[in-house]
């Protein structure tokens, strides 16, 4: 079944992970049931976490956005895109259904995208490329003479300097990086800047947009 799904949605071998099945603590099991765990779609446009990557990235997101578990102690990572943005499922207090959150290290913002079922429909729909800013990825790959290149499972094409740190929202501010190293480095920078510039206060970054 997994092979059929892979062919249908554009799985790329270069963007695959360990492939251990993983279901986020808030669900859904839909993606795991379809064999998506550890898979990369469309050359790494979007990758689904597997049993090895999920615990690592869940901790990275919590380190960067420490209020996450206050919003929902069962919030958990589901997928991440070519830009290193992490997608989680969570059910904040008062919510009727689990939703999808996007943790964006590039902007320093944790935002609510919508319901899980709507996210799933979009991921496997014709508008996936636009949903995940695929044109920006295509431009960057062409600019480095890799027009048909792929983003490996452990890497991302992320901002050299995040927007919250003064970087420009431009393809010229992108580079290929190890995603774990990227999140680790800029989380440490975020914390240090907050401590230095806002002593005894709540810094504006990280921000929670919901």
C-alpha atoms as a PDB file:
ATOM      1  CA  UNK A   1       0.000   0.000   0.000  1.00  0.00           C
ATOM      2  CA  UNK A   2       2.811   2.372   0.868  1.00  0.00           C
ATOM      3  CA  UNK A   3       4.280   2.029  -2.614  1.00  0.00           C
ATOM      4  CA  UNK A   4       0.964   3.007  -4.175  1.00  0.00           C
ATOM      5  CA  UNK A   5       0.680   6.047  -1.916  1.00  0.00           C
ATOM      6  CA  UNK A   6       4.278   7.027  -2.622  1.00  0.00           C
ATOM      7  CA  UNK A   7       3.685   7.034  -6.349  1.00  0.00           C
ATOM      8  CA  UNK A   8       0.460   8.946  -6.022  1.00  0.00           C
ATOM      9  CA  UNK A   9       1.741  11.807  -3.890  1.00  0.00           C
ATOM     10  CA  UNK A  10       5.273  12.235  -5.249  1.00  0.00           C
ATOM     11  CA  UNK A  11       7.501  10.630  -2.619  1.00  0.00           C
ATOM     12  CA  UNK A  12      11.203  11.246  -3.186  1.00  0.00           C
ATOM     13  CA  UNK A  13      13.707   8.620  -2.025  1.00  0.00           C
ATOM     14  CA  UNK A  14      16.423  11.207  -1.347  1.00  0.00           C
ATOM     15  CA  UNK A  15      14.119  12.896   1.141  1.00  0.00           C
ATOM     16  CA  UNK A  16      13.294   9.748   3.115  1.00  0.00           C
ATOM     17  CA  UNK A  17      14.116   9.167   6.764  1.00  0.00           C
ATOM     18  CA  UNK A  18      14.343   5.964   8.794  1.00  0.00           C
ATOM     19  CA  UNK A  19      10.703   5.125   8.019  1.00  0.00           C
ATOM     20  CA  UNK A  20       9.689   3.944  11.510  1.00  0.00           C
ATOM     21  CA  UNK A  21       5.938   4.412  12.011  1.00  0.00           C
ATOM     22  CA  UNK A  22       5.027   7.396  14.181  1.00  0.00           C
ATOM     23  CA  UNK A  23       1.645   8.755  15.256  1.00  0.00           C
ATOM     24  CA  UNK A  24       1.643  12.158  17.050  1.00  0.00           C
ATOM     25  CA  UNK A  25       0.178  12.109  20.541  1.00  0.00           C
ATOM     26  CA  UNK A  26      -2.772  14.201  19.316  1.00  0.00           C
ATOM     27  CA  UNK A  27      -3.045  12.130  16.171  1.00  0.00           C
ATOM     28  CA  UNK A  28      -4.073  11.681  13.538  1.00  0.00           C
ATOM     29  CA  UNK A  29      -3.002   8.189  12.498  1.00  0.00           C
ATOM     30  CA  UNK A  30      -4.049   8.948   8.917  1.00  0.00           C
ATOM     31  CA  UNK A  31      -0.570   9.750   7.621  1.00  0.00           C
ATOM     32  CA  UNK A  32       1.051   6.777   9.371  1.00  0.00           C
ATOM     33  CA  UNK A  33      -1.669   4.471   8.069  1.00  0.00           C
ATOM     34  CA  UNK A  34      -0.896   5.648   4.546  1.00  0.00           C
ATOM     35  CA  UNK A  35       2.817   4.916   4.936  1.00  0.00           C
ATOM     36  CA  UNK A  36       3.891   8.564   5.054  1.00  0.00           C
ATOM     37  CA  UNK A  37       6.199   8.361   8.101  1.00  0.00           C
ATOM     38  CA  UNK A  38       9.764   9.181   7.140  1.00  0.00           C
ATOM     39  CA  UNK A  39       8.695  10.108   3.635  1.00  0.00           C
ATOM     40  CA  UNK A  40       9.498  13.271   1.718  1.00  0.00           C
ATOM     41  CA  UNK A  41       7.040  14.609  -0.830  1.00  0.00           C
ATOM     42  CA  UNK A  42       7.974  16.429  -4.026  1.00  0.00           C
ATOM     43  CA  UNK A  43      11.722  16.367  -3.533  1.00  0.00           C
ATOM     44  CA  UNK A  44      11.548  17.335   0.134  1.00  0.00           C
ATOM     45  CA  UNK A  45       8.881  20.038  -0.103  1.00  0.00           C
ATOM     46  CA  UNK A  46       7.318  18.368   2.955  1.00  0.00           C
ATOM     47  CA  UNK A  47       8.676  15.545   5.108  1.00  0.00           C
ATOM     48  CA  UNK A  48       6.705  13.467   7.638  1.00  0.00           C
ATOM     49  CA  UNK A  49       8.362  12.601  10.921  1.00  0.00           C
ATOM     50  CA  UNK A  50       9.215   9.015  11.735  1.00  0.00           C
ATOM     51  CA  UNK A  51       9.889   7.210  15.006  1.00  0.00           C
ATOM     52  CA  UNK A  52      13.467   8.512  15.132  1.00  0.00           C
ATOM     53  CA  UNK A  53      13.035  12.134  14.075  1.00  0.00           C
ATOM     54  CA  UNK A  54       9.825  12.952  15.976  1.00  0.00           C
ATOM     55  CA  UNK A  55      11.189  12.894  19.565  1.00  0.00           C
ATOM     56  CA  UNK A  56      14.204  14.968  18.524  1.00  0.00           C
ATOM     57  CA  UNK A  57      12.175  17.680  16.806  1.00  0.00           C
ATOM     58  CA  UNK A  58       9.461  17.746  19.444  1.00  0.00           C
ATOM     59  CA  UNK A  59      12.115  18.719  21.984  1.00  0.00           C
ATOM     60  CA  UNK A  60      13.644  21.278  19.620  1.00  0.00           C
ATOM     61  CA  UNK A  61      10.265  22.959  19.145  1.00  0.00           C
ATOM     62  CA  UNK A  62       9.564  23.000  22.887  1.00  0.00           C
ATOM     63  CA  UNK A  63      13.002  24.511  23.538  1.00  0.00           C
ATOM     64  CA  UNK A  64      12.286  27.280  21.030  1.00  0.00           C
ATOM     65  CA  UNK A  65       8.634  27.816  22.021  1.00  0.00           C
ATOM     66  CA  UNK A  66       8.508  26.992  25.751  1.00  0.00           C
ATOM     67  CA  UNK A  67       4.822  27.900  26.103  1.00  0.00           C
ATOM     68  CA  UNK A  68       3.830  25.102  23.737  1.00  0.00           C
ATOM     69  CA  UNK A  69       3.201  22.503  26.434  1.00  0.00           C
ATOM     70  CA  UNK A  70       1.275  25.074  28.470  1.00  0.00           C
ATOM     71  CA  UNK A  71      -1.091  25.342  25.513  1.00  0.00           C
ATOM     72  CA  UNK A  72      -1.329  21.572  25.177  1.00  0.00           C
ATOM     73  CA  UNK A  73       0.834  19.043  27.008  1.00  0.00           C
ATOM     74  CA  UNK A  74       0.164  16.504  24.237  1.00  0.00           C
ATOM     75  CA  UNK A  75       1.205  18.752  21.351  1.00  0.00           C
ATOM     76  CA  UNK A  76       3.443  16.799  19.018  1.00  0.00           C
ATOM     77  CA  UNK A  77       5.285  17.096  15.713  1.00  0.00           C
ATOM     78  CA  UNK A  78       3.796  15.697  12.534  1.00  0.00           C
ATOM     79  CA  UNK A  79       5.854  17.006   9.627  1.00  0.00           C
ATOM     80  CA  UNK A  80       8.333  19.668   8.497  1.00  0.00           C
ATOM     81  CA  UNK A  81       8.858  21.445   5.228  1.00  0.00           C
ATOM     82  CA  UNK A  82      11.823  22.384   3.048  1.00  0.00           C
ATOM     83  CA  UNK A  83      12.267  25.662   4.974  1.00  0.00           C
ATOM     84  CA  UNK A  84      12.609  23.871   8.321  1.00  0.00           C
ATOM     85  CA  UNK A  85       9.142  24.889   9.545  1.00  0.00           C
ATOM     86  CA  UNK A  86       7.642  22.321  11.889  1.00  0.00           C
ATOM     87  CA  UNK A  87       3.985  21.279  11.745  1.00  0.00           C
ATOM     88  CA  UNK A  88       2.399  19.955  14.926  1.00  0.00           C
ATOM     89  CA  UNK A  89      -0.973  18.668  16.013  1.00  0.00           C
ATOM     90  CA  UNK A  90      -2.405  20.094  19.223  1.00  0.00           C
ATOM     91  CA  UNK A  91      -5.660  20.815  20.981  1.00  0.00           C
ATOM     92  CA  UNK A  92      -5.369  24.086  22.937  1.00  0.00           C
ATOM     93  CA  UNK A  93      -7.787  24.670  25.782  1.00  0.00           C
ATOM     94  CA  UNK A  94     -11.274  25.435  24.515  1.00  0.00           C
ATOM     95  CA  UNK A  95     -10.690  23.991  21.050  1.00  0.00           C
ATOM     96  CA  UNK A  96     -13.329  21.570  19.763  1.00  0.00           C
ATOM     97  CA  UNK A  97     -10.981  19.698  17.427  1.00  0.00           C
ATOM     98  CA  UNK A  98      -7.251  19.111  17.211  1.00  0.00           C
ATOM     99  CA  UNK A  99      -5.569  21.652  14.975  1.00  0.00           C
ATOM    100  CA  UNK A 100      -2.288  22.033  13.145  1.00  0.00           C
ATOM    101  CA  UNK A 101       0.284  24.489  14.473  1.00  0.00           C
ATOM    102  CA  UNK A 102       3.244  25.798  12.492  1.00  0.00           C
ATOM    103  CA  UNK A 103       6.443  26.514  14.390  1.00  0.00           C
ATOM    104  CA  UNK A 104       8.532  28.791  12.197  1.00  0.00           C
ATOM    105  CA  UNK A 105      12.103  29.416  13.288  1.00  0.00           C
ATOM    106  CA  UNK A 106      12.511  31.860  10.407  1.00  0.00           C
ATOM    107  CA  UNK A 107       9.942  34.264  11.869  1.00  0.00           C
ATOM    108  CA  UNK A 108      10.039  33.133  15.498  1.00  0.00           C
ATOM    109  CA  UNK A 109       6.275  32.606  15.475  1.00  0.00           C
ATOM    110  CA  UNK A 110       4.095  29.658  16.491  1.00  0.00           C
ATOM    111  CA  UNK A 111       0.793  29.962  14.629  1.00  0.00           C
ATOM    112  CA  UNK A 112      -2.444  28.018  14.240  1.00  0.00           C
ATOM    113  CA  UNK A 113      -3.168  26.951  10.660  1.00  0.00           C
ATOM    114  CA  UNK A 114      -6.519  25.232  11.072  1.00  0.00           C
ATOM    115  CA  UNK A 115      -8.101  21.835  11.556  1.00  0.00           C
ATOM    116  CA  UNK A 116      -6.155  18.633  11.000  1.00  0.00           C
ATOM    117  CA  UNK A 117      -8.542  17.303   8.361  1.00  0.00           C
ATOM    118  CA  UNK A 118      -8.215  20.512   6.336  1.00  0.00           C
ATOM    119  CA  UNK A 119      -4.421  20.291   6.525  1.00  0.00           C
ATOM    120  CA  UNK A 120      -4.539  16.669   5.325  1.00  0.00           C
ATOM    121  CA  UNK A 121      -6.767  17.590   2.400  1.00  0.00           C
ATOM    122  CA  UNK A 122      -4.403  20.380   1.394  1.00  0.00           C
ATOM    123  CA  UNK A 123      -1.285  18.210   1.695  1.00  0.00           C
ATOM    124  CA  UNK A 124      -2.659  15.622  -0.695  1.00  0.00           C
ATOM    125  CA  UNK A 125      -4.401  18.161  -2.924  1.00  0.00           C
ATOM    126  CA  UNK A 126      -3.306  20.004  -6.076  1.00  0.00           C
ATOM    127  CA  UNK A 127      -2.377  23.172  -4.181  1.00  0.00           C
ATOM    128  CA  UNK A 128       0.370  21.610  -2.073  1.00  0.00           C
ATOM    129  CA  UNK A 129       3.214  23.301  -3.929  1.00  0.00           C
ATOM    130  CA  UNK A 130       1.813  26.771  -3.298  1.00  0.00           C
ATOM    131  CA  UNK A 131       0.789  25.969   0.288  1.00  0.00           C
ATOM    132  CA  UNK A 132       4.408  25.305   1.247  1.00  0.00           C
ATOM    133  CA  UNK A 133       5.976  28.139  -0.788  1.00  0.00           C
ATOM    134  CA  UNK A 134       7.317  25.730  -3.365  1.00  0.00           C
ATOM    135  CA  UNK A 135       8.073  28.486  -5.869  1.00  0.00           C
ATOM    136  CA  UNK A 136      10.622  29.973  -3.493  1.00  0.00           C
ATOM    137  CA  UNK A 137      12.288  26.572  -3.159  1.00  0.00           C
ATOM    138  CA  UNK A 138      12.293  26.113  -6.944  1.00  0.00           C
ATOM    139  CA  UNK A 139      13.908  29.531  -7.403  1.00  0.00           C
ATOM    140  CA  UNK A 140      16.636  28.748  -4.888  1.00  0.00           C
ATOM    141  CA  UNK A 141      17.393  25.335  -6.379  1.00  0.00           C
ATOM    142  CA  UNK A 142      17.737  26.924  -9.810  1.00  0.00           C
ATOM    143  CA  UNK A 143      19.959  29.686  -8.434  1.00  0.00           C
ATOM    144  CA  UNK A 144      22.451  27.082  -7.143  1.00  0.00           C
ATOM    145  CA  UNK A 145      22.295  25.091 -10.396  1.00  0.00           C
ATOM    146  CA  UNK A 146      20.109  22.338  -8.906  1.00  0.00           C
ATOM    147  CA  UNK A 147      16.839  22.870 -10.824  1.00  0.00           C
ATOM    148  CA  UNK A 148      15.796  19.259 -10.200  1.00  0.00           C
ATOM    149  CA  UNK A 149      17.474  18.951  -6.828  1.00  0.00           C
ATOM    150  CA  UNK A 150      16.033  17.436  -3.689  1.00  0.00           C
ATOM    151  CA  UNK A 151      16.160  18.439  -0.037  1.00  0.00           C
ATOM    152  CA  UNK A 152      17.388  15.495   1.991  1.00  0.00           C
ATOM    153  CA  UNK A 153      15.413  14.378   5.030  1.00  0.00           C
ATOM    154  CA  UNK A 154      17.872  15.798   7.565  1.00  0.00           C
ATOM    155  CA  UNK A 155      18.377  19.129   5.778  1.00  0.00           C
ATOM    156  CA  UNK A 156      16.420  22.294   5.066  1.00  0.00           C
ATOM    157  CA  UNK A 157      16.844  25.332   2.851  1.00  0.00           C
ATOM    158  CA  UNK A 158      16.588  27.814   5.696  1.00  0.00           C
ATOM    159  CA  UNK A 159      17.355  31.466   6.318  1.00  0.00           C
ATOM    160  CA  UNK A 160      21.002  32.337   6.816  1.00  0.00           C
ATOM    161  CA  UNK A 161      19.719  35.024   9.179  1.00  0.00           C
ATOM    162  CA  UNK A 162      16.123  34.581  10.438  1.00  0.00           C
ATOM    163  CA  UNK A 163      13.687  37.420   9.866  1.00  0.00           C
ATOM    164  CA  UNK A 164      13.343  38.053  13.612  1.00  0.00           C
ATOM    165  CA  UNK A 165      17.082  38.660  13.728  1.00  0.00           C
ATOM    166  CA  UNK A 166      17.073  41.193  10.873  1.00  0.00           C
ATOM    167  CA  UNK A 167      17.370  38.828   7.912  1.00  0.00           C
ATOM    168  CA  UNK A 168      15.630  39.550   4.608  1.00  0.00           C
ATOM    169  CA  UNK A 169      12.702  37.507   3.329  1.00  0.00           C
ATOM    170  CA  UNK A 170      14.504  36.760   0.103  1.00  0.00           C
ATOM    171  CA  UNK A 171      15.793  33.634  -1.665  1.00  0.00           C
ATOM    172  CA  UNK A 172      19.240  35.258  -1.439  1.00  0.00           C
ATOM    173  CA  UNK A 173      19.034  34.785   2.346  1.00  0.00           C
ATOM    174  CA  UNK A 174      18.594  31.009   2.020  1.00  0.00           C
ATOM    175  CA  UNK A 175      21.101  28.196   2.324  1.00  0.00           C
ATOM    176  CA  UNK A 176      21.124  24.428   2.791  1.00  0.00           C
ATOM    177  CA  UNK A 177      21.603  23.501   6.454  1.00  0.00           C
ATOM    178  CA  UNK A 178      21.210  20.565   8.794  1.00  0.00           C
ATOM    179  CA  UNK A 179      17.776  21.138  10.333  1.00  0.00           C
ATOM    180  CA  UNK A 180      18.669  20.046  13.866  1.00  0.00           C
ATOM    181  CA  UNK A 181      21.728  22.314  13.879  1.00  0.00           C
ATOM    182  CA  UNK A 182      19.652  25.205  12.519  1.00  0.00           C
ATOM    183  CA  UNK A 183      17.004  24.953  15.227  1.00  0.00           C
ATOM    184  CA  UNK A 184      19.588  24.423  17.963  1.00  0.00           C
ATOM    185  CA  UNK A 185      21.754  27.388  16.964  1.00  0.00           C
ATOM    186  CA  UNK A 186      18.977  29.923  16.501  1.00  0.00           C
ATOM    187  CA  UNK A 187      17.073  28.847  19.614  1.00  0.00           C
ATOM    188  CA  UNK A 188      20.206  29.596  21.630  1.00  0.00           C
ATOM    189  CA  UNK A 189      20.540  32.971  19.870  1.00  0.00           C
ATOM    190  CA  UNK A 190      16.880  33.764  20.515  1.00  0.00           C
ATOM    191  CA  UNK A 191      17.241  33.052  24.206  1.00  0.00           C
ATOM    192  CA  UNK A 192      20.435  35.082  24.522  1.00  0.00           C
ATOM    193  CA  UNK A 193      18.949  38.071  22.709  1.00  0.00           C
ATOM    194  CA  UNK A 194      15.891  37.937  24.943  1.00  0.00           C
ATOM    195  CA  UNK A 195      18.008  37.831  28.074  1.00  0.00           C
ATOM    196  CA  UNK A 196      20.279  40.671  26.904  1.00  0.00           C
ATOM    197  CA  UNK A 197      17.694  43.047  25.411  1.00  0.00           C
ATOM    198  CA  UNK A 198      14.701  42.372  27.666  1.00  0.00           C
ATOM    199  CA  UNK A 199      16.064  41.599  31.143  1.00  0.00           C
ATOM    200  CA  UNK A 200      13.279  40.705  33.517  1.00  0.00           C
ATOM    201  CA  UNK A 201      10.691  41.080  30.740  1.00  0.00           C
ATOM    202  CA  UNK A 202       8.926  38.866  28.221  1.00  0.00           C
ATOM    203  CA  UNK A 203      10.743  39.275  24.882  1.00  0.00           C
ATOM    204  CA  UNK A 204       8.657  39.662  21.694  1.00  0.00           C
ATOM    205  CA  UNK A 205      10.225  36.538  20.212  1.00  0.00           C
ATOM    206  CA  UNK A 206       9.191  33.738  20.346  1.00  0.00           C
ATOM    207  CA  UNK A 207       5.642  34.843  19.565  1.00  0.00           C
ATOM    208  CA  UNK A 208       2.384  32.905  19.708  1.00  0.00           C
ATOM    209  CA  UNK A 209      -0.052  33.936  16.961  1.00  0.00           C
ATOM    210  CA  UNK A 210      -3.364  32.534  18.210  1.00  0.00           C
END
